[in-house]
């Protein structure tokens, strides 16, 4: 039969386990938030929605540049 742990050690182990679970949850939430922000930042539809004038100017400039190359 295994030897029982002293109550202080069992309490410390339980607290450490809870802290690890909380840290893991925080890390998962942070990574999920980061992933969402990266997707939003690099989505061209989001750029058009947030800055339609800038997007239109860039498209116009790119059209001029490509048109003059011919």
Protein backbone atom coordinates (compact mmCIF):
# COMPACT_ATOMS: atom_id res chain seq x y z
CA UNK A 1 0.00 0.00 0.00
CA UNK A 2 1.50 3.41 -0.97
CA UNK A 3 2.54 5.75 1.78
CA UNK A 4 0.18 8.65 2.31
CA UNK A 5 1.41 12.17 1.67
CA UNK A 6 1.49 14.72 4.45
CA UNK A 7 -1.54 17.08 4.24
CA UNK A 8 0.66 20.11 3.43
CA UNK A 9 2.22 18.36 0.46
CA UNK A 10 -1.17 17.25 -0.87
CA UNK A 11 -2.52 20.79 -0.53
CA UNK A 12 0.52 22.26 -2.30
CA UNK A 13 0.14 19.70 -5.09
CA UNK A 14 -3.56 20.53 -5.51
CA UNK A 15 -2.79 24.27 -5.61
CA UNK A 16 -0.03 23.74 -8.17
CA UNK A 17 -2.34 21.63 -10.32
CA UNK A 18 -5.05 24.31 -10.20
CA UNK A 19 -2.55 27.03 -11.08
CA UNK A 20 -1.32 24.99 -14.06
CA UNK A 21 -4.90 24.53 -15.26
CA UNK A 22 -5.56 28.27 -14.97
CA UNK A 23 -2.33 29.08 -16.82
CA UNK A 24 -3.23 26.64 -19.59
CA UNK A 25 -6.68 28.22 -19.93
CA UNK A 26 -5.16 31.71 -20.12
CA UNK A 27 -2.69 30.54 -22.77
CA UNK A 28 -5.45 28.97 -24.86
CA UNK A 29 -7.56 32.15 -24.66
CA UNK A 30 -4.57 34.30 -25.60
CA UNK A 31 -3.70 32.13 -28.58
CA UNK A 32 -7.31 32.08 -29.76
CA UNK A 33 -7.47 35.88 -29.53
CA UNK A 34 -4.16 36.23 -31.36
CA UNK A 35 -5.29 33.87 -34.12
CA UNK A 36 -8.52 35.83 -34.58
CA UNK A 37 -6.63 39.14 -34.77
CA UNK A 38 -4.11 37.80 -37.30
CA UNK A 39 -6.89 36.47 -39.51
CA UNK A 40 -8.73 39.79 -39.31
CA UNK A 41 -5.58 41.80 -40.03
CA UNK A 42 -4.68 39.85 -43.16
CA UNK A 43 -8.22 39.48 -44.53
CA UNK A 44 -8.59 41.72 -47.60
CA UNK A 45 -12.32 42.10 -46.97
CA UNK A 46 -11.58 43.60 -43.58
CA UNK A 47 -9.17 46.10 -45.18
CA UNK A 48 -11.86 47.15 -47.68
CA UNK A 49 -14.47 47.47 -44.93
CA UNK A 50 -12.25 49.51 -42.61
CA UNK A 51 -10.49 51.70 -45.20
CA UNK A 52 -12.50 51.82 -48.41
CA UNK A 53 -10.87 55.04 -49.69
CA UNK A 54 -7.34 53.78 -49.19
CA UNK A 55 -8.22 50.46 -50.80
CA UNK A 56 -9.77 52.19 -53.80
CA UNK A 57 -6.73 54.45 -54.19
CA UNK A 58 -4.37 51.47 -54.03
CA UNK A 59 -6.43 49.55 -56.59
CA UNK A 60 -6.47 52.60 -58.89
CA UNK A 61 -2.72 53.10 -58.51
CA UNK A 62 -2.01 49.44 -59.17
CA UNK A 63 -4.24 49.57 -62.25
CA UNK A 64 -2.34 52.58 -63.58
CA UNK A 65 1.00 50.94 -62.89
CA UNK A 66 0.06 47.69 -64.60
CA UNK A 67 -1.65 49.50 -67.49
CA UNK A 68 1.41 51.64 -68.24
CA UNK A 69 3.71 48.62 -68.29
CA UNK A 70 2.18 47.41 -71.56
